[in-house]
């Protein structure tokens, strides 16, 4: 489960960076923050 959360977090952060470079600053920041929230490291909203 931790590996799947890590993969999802990486995909969200990369998508956020791509969106930032395409010009949508708010959506990019939201995707990056959600990526950090989902990831198993640091702070996670799915922590048990």
PDB file of N, CA and C in Angstrom:
ATOM      1  N   UNK A   1       0.827  -1.202   0.000  1.00  0.00           N
ATOM      2  CA  UNK A   1       0.000   0.000   0.000  1.00  0.00           C
ATOM      3  C   UNK A   1       0.868   1.262   0.000  1.00  0.00           C
ATOM      4  N   UNK A   2       1.944   1.227   0.764  1.00  0.00           N
ATOM      5  CA  UNK A   2       2.827   2.388   0.825  1.00  0.00           C
ATOM      6  C   UNK A   2       3.453   2.706  -0.521  1.00  0.00           C
ATOM      7  N   UNK A   3       3.797   1.642  -1.278  1.00  0.00           N
ATOM      8  CA  UNK A   3       4.392   1.848  -2.599  1.00  0.00           C
ATOM      9  C   UNK A   3       3.396   2.509  -3.548  1.00  0.00           C
ATOM     10  N   UNK A   4       2.125   2.085  -3.490  1.00  0.00           N
ATOM     11  CA  UNK A   4       1.099   2.677  -4.354  1.00  0.00           C
ATOM     12  C   UNK A   4       0.878   4.146  -4.021  1.00  0.00           C
ATOM     13  N   UNK A   5       0.898   4.478  -2.732  1.00  0.00           N
ATOM     14  CA  UNK A   5       0.752   5.880  -2.329  1.00  0.00           C
ATOM     15  C   UNK A   5       1.946   6.699  -2.819  1.00  0.00           C
ATOM     16  N   UNK A   6       3.138   6.110  -2.746  1.00  0.00           N
ATOM     17  CA  UNK A   6       4.333   6.804  -3.203  1.00  0.00           C
ATOM     18  C   UNK A   6       4.251   7.079  -4.697  1.00  0.00           C
ATOM     19  N   UNK A   7       3.821   6.078  -5.461  1.00  0.00           N
ATOM     20  CA  UNK A   7       3.691   6.248  -6.915  1.00  0.00           C
ATOM     21  C   UNK A   7       2.648   7.313  -7.242  1.00  0.00           C
ATOM     22  N   UNK A   8       1.512   7.278  -6.549  1.00  0.00           N
ATOM     23  CA  UNK A   8       0.464   8.279  -6.782  1.00  0.00           C
ATOM     24  C   UNK A   8       0.974   9.679  -6.456  1.00  0.00           C
ATOM     25  N   UNK A   9       1.734   9.809  -5.368  1.00  0.00           N
ATOM     26  CA  UNK A   9       2.275  11.113  -4.987  1.00  0.00           C
ATOM     27  C   UNK A   9       3.255  11.628  -6.033  1.00  0.00           C
ATOM     28  N   UNK A  10       4.108  10.756  -6.550  1.00  0.00           N
ATOM     29  CA  UNK A  10       5.075  11.166  -7.570  1.00  0.00           C
ATOM     30  C   UNK A  10       4.351  11.618  -8.835  1.00  0.00           C
ATOM     31  N   UNK A  11       3.342  10.877  -9.239  1.00  0.00           N
ATOM     32  CA  UNK A  11       2.583  11.243 -10.445  1.00  0.00           C
ATOM     33  C   UNK A  11       1.900  12.594 -10.256  1.00  0.00           C
ATOM     34  N   UNK A  12       1.311  12.822  -9.092  1.00  0.00           N
ATOM     35  CA  UNK A  12       0.633  14.102  -8.835  1.00  0.00           C
ATOM     36  C   UNK A  12       1.616  15.274  -8.845  1.00  0.00           C
ATOM     37  N   UNK A  13       2.775  15.081  -8.233  1.00  0.00           N
ATOM     38  CA  UNK A  13       3.755  16.176  -8.189  1.00  0.00           C
ATOM     39  C   UNK A  13       4.300  16.462  -9.589  1.00  0.00           C
ATOM     40  N   UNK A  14       4.594  15.419 -10.355  1.00  0.00           N
ATOM     41  CA  UNK A  14       5.087  15.635 -11.725  1.00  0.00           C
ATOM     42  C   UNK A  14       4.010  16.318 -12.570  1.00  0.00           C
ATOM     43  N   UNK A  15       2.763  15.887 -12.423  1.00  0.00           N
ATOM     44  CA  UNK A  15       1.673  16.533 -13.158  1.00  0.00           C
ATOM     45  C   UNK A  15       1.543  17.995 -12.737  1.00  0.00           C
ATOM     46  N   UNK A  16       1.712  18.274 -11.457  1.00  0.00           N
ATOM     47  CA  UNK A  16       1.651  19.654 -10.977  1.00  0.00           C
ATOM     48  C   UNK A  16       2.746  20.519 -11.568  1.00  0.00           C
ATOM     49  N   UNK A  17       3.952  19.972 -11.677  1.00  0.00           N
ATOM     50  CA  UNK A  17       5.064  20.729 -12.264  1.00  0.00           C
ATOM     51  C   UNK A  17       4.806  20.986 -13.745  1.00  0.00           C
ATOM     52  N   UNK A  18       4.292  19.981 -14.460  1.00  0.00           N
ATOM     53  CA  UNK A  18       3.989  20.166 -15.880  1.00  0.00           C
ATOM     54  C   UNK A  18       2.924  21.242 -16.063  1.00  0.00           C
ATOM     55  N   UNK A  19       1.878  21.213 -15.226  1.00  0.00           N
ATOM     56  CA  UNK A  19       0.807  22.208 -15.321  1.00  0.00           C
ATOM     57  C   UNK A  19       1.353  23.600 -15.002  1.00  0.00           C
ATOM     58  N   UNK A  20       2.278  23.687 -14.036  1.00  0.00           N
ATOM     59  CA  UNK A  20       2.891  24.988 -13.724  1.00  0.00           C
ATOM     60  C   UNK A  20       3.607  25.556 -14.940  1.00  0.00           C
ATOM     61  N   UNK A  21       4.360  24.720 -15.643  1.00  0.00           N
ATOM     62  CA  UNK A  21       5.091  25.200 -16.811  1.00  0.00           C
ATOM     63  C   UNK A  21       4.157  25.553 -17.967  1.00  0.00           C
ATOM     64  N   UNK A  22       2.978  24.948 -17.988  1.00  0.00           N
ATOM     65  CA  UNK A  22       2.026  25.281 -19.054  1.00  0.00           C
ATOM     66  C   UNK A  22       1.266  26.569 -18.759  1.00  0.00           C
ATOM     67  N   UNK A  23       1.377  27.092 -17.537  1.00  0.00           N
ATOM     68  CA  UNK A  23       0.806  28.397 -17.251  1.00  0.00           C
ATOM     69  C   UNK A  23      -0.298  28.442 -16.215  1.00  0.00           C
ATOM     70  N   UNK A  24      -0.815  27.324 -15.770  1.00  0.00           N
ATOM     71  CA  UNK A  24      -1.886  27.334 -14.775  1.00  0.00           C
ATOM     72  C   UNK A  24      -1.275  27.192 -13.380  1.00  0.00           C
ATOM     73  N   UNK A  25      -0.994  28.323 -12.764  1.00  0.00           N
ATOM     74  CA  UNK A  25      -0.250  28.341 -11.506  1.00  0.00           C
ATOM     75  C   UNK A  25      -1.060  27.725 -10.365  1.00  0.00           C
ATOM     76  N   UNK A  26      -2.315  28.101 -10.236  1.00  0.00           N
ATOM     77  CA  UNK A  26      -3.123  27.626  -9.108  1.00  0.00           C
ATOM     78  C   UNK A  26      -3.326  26.115  -9.178  1.00  0.00           C
ATOM     79  N   UNK A  27      -3.672  25.590 -10.336  1.00  0.00           N
ATOM     80  CA  UNK A  27      -3.884  24.148 -10.480  1.00  0.00           C
ATOM     81  C   UNK A  27      -2.578  23.385 -10.234  1.00  0.00           C
ATOM     82  N   UNK A  28      -1.466  23.921 -10.694  1.00  0.00           N
ATOM     83  CA  UNK A  28      -0.176  23.285 -10.463  1.00  0.00           C
ATOM     84  C   UNK A  28       0.170  23.197  -8.993  1.00  0.00           C
ATOM     85  N   UNK A  29      -0.061  24.293  -8.275  1.00  0.00           N
ATOM     86  CA  UNK A  29       0.216  24.308  -6.834  1.00  0.00           C
ATOM     87  C   UNK A  29      -0.698  23.333  -6.109  1.00  0.00           C
ATOM     88  N   UNK A  30      -1.973  23.287  -6.497  1.00  0.00           N
ATOM     89  CA  UNK A  30      -2.918  22.365  -5.867  1.00  0.00           C
ATOM     90  C   UNK A  30      -2.484  20.916  -6.086  1.00  0.00           C
ATOM     91  N   UNK A  31      -2.068  20.572  -7.300  1.00  0.00           N
ATOM     92  CA  UNK A  31      -1.628  19.206  -7.578  1.00  0.00           C
ATOM     93  C   UNK A  31      -0.384  18.839  -6.767  1.00  0.00           C
ATOM     94  N   UNK A  32       0.542  19.767  -6.637  1.00  0.00           N
ATOM     95  CA  UNK A  32       1.754  19.502  -5.865  1.00  0.00           C
ATOM     96  C   UNK A  32       1.411  19.302  -4.387  1.00  0.00           C
ATOM     97  N   UNK A  33       0.560  20.147  -3.835  1.00  0.00           N
ATOM     98  CA  UNK A  33       0.173  20.021  -2.423  1.00  0.00           C
ATOM     99  C   UNK A  33      -0.571  18.711  -2.184  1.00  0.00           C
ATOM    100  N   UNK A  34      -1.472  18.343  -3.103  1.00  0.00           N
ATOM    101  CA  UNK A  34      -2.187  17.072  -2.968  1.00  0.00           C
ATOM    102  C   UNK A  34      -1.210  15.904  -3.073  1.00  0.00           C
ATOM    103  N   UNK A  35      -0.213  16.016  -3.931  1.00  0.00           N
ATOM    104  CA  UNK A  35       0.805  14.977  -4.031  1.00  0.00           C
ATOM    105  C   UNK A  35       1.559  14.792  -2.728  1.00  0.00           C
ATOM    106  N   UNK A  36       1.895  15.895  -2.063  1.00  0.00           N
ATOM    107  CA  UNK A  36       2.567  15.799  -0.766  1.00  0.00           C
ATOM    108  C   UNK A  36       1.625  15.257   0.306  1.00  0.00           C
ATOM    109  N   UNK A  37       0.342  15.556   0.204  1.00  0.00           N
ATOM    110  CA  UNK A  37      -0.627  15.080   1.199  1.00  0.00           C
ATOM    111  C   UNK A  37      -0.893  13.585   1.063  1.00  0.00           C
ATOM    112  N   UNK A  38      -0.852  13.068  -0.152  1.00  0.00           N
ATOM    113  CA  UNK A  38      -1.146  11.653  -0.390  1.00  0.00           C
ATOM    114  C   UNK A  38       0.068  10.779  -0.102  1.00  0.00           C
ATOM    115  N   UNK A  39       1.248  11.302  -0.324  1.00  0.00           N
ATOM    116  CA  UNK A  39       2.465  10.502  -0.195  1.00  0.00           C
ATOM    117  C   UNK A  39       2.674   9.940   1.194  1.00  0.00           C
ATOM    118  N   UNK A  40       3.296   8.778   1.279  1.00  0.00           N
ATOM    119  CA  UNK A  40       3.511   8.135   2.571  1.00  0.00           C
ATOM    120  C   UNK A  40       4.572   8.830   3.421  1.00  0.00           C
ATOM    121  N   UNK A  41       5.457   9.584   2.814  1.00  0.00           N
ATOM    122  CA  UNK A  41       6.481  10.297   3.573  1.00  0.00           C
ATOM    123  C   UNK A  41       5.990  11.673   3.992  1.00  0.00           C
ATOM    124  N   UNK A  42       6.613  12.230   5.004  1.00  0.00           N
ATOM    125  CA  UNK A  42       6.207  13.568   5.463  1.00  0.00           C
ATOM    126  C   UNK A  42       4.856  13.524   6.142  1.00  0.00           C
ATOM    127  N   UNK A  43       3.955  14.358   5.716  1.00  0.00           N
ATOM    128  CA  UNK A  43       2.616  14.356   6.312  1.00  0.00           C
ATOM    129  C   UNK A  43       1.657  13.747   5.309  1.00  0.00           C
ATOM    130  N   UNK A  44       0.801  12.880   5.796  1.00  0.00           N
ATOM    131  CA  UNK A  44      -0.092  12.156   4.907  1.00  0.00           C
ATOM    132  C   UNK A  44      -1.514  12.187   5.460  1.00  0.00           C
ATOM    133  N   UNK A  45      -2.497  12.429   4.604  1.00  0.00           N
ATOM    134  CA  UNK A  45      -3.893  12.438   5.046  1.00  0.00           C
ATOM    135  C   UNK A  45      -4.435  11.026   5.207  1.00  0.00           C
ATOM    136  N   UNK A  46      -3.724  10.037   4.717  1.00  0.00           N
ATOM    137  CA  UNK A  46      -4.224   8.657   4.815  1.00  0.00           C
ATOM    138  C   UNK A  46      -3.450   7.898   5.898  1.00  0.00           C
ATOM    139  N   UNK A  47      -2.753   8.596   6.768  1.00  0.00           N
ATOM    140  CA  UNK A  47      -1.981   7.964   7.829  1.00  0.00           C
ATOM    141  C   UNK A  47      -2.922   7.278   8.827  1.00  0.00           C
ATOM    142  N   UNK A  48      -2.503   6.119   9.287  1.00  0.00           N
ATOM    143  CA  UNK A  48      -3.339   5.400  10.270  1.00  0.00           C
ATOM    144  C   UNK A  48      -2.749   5.510  11.634  1.00  0.00           C
TER     145      UNK A  48
END
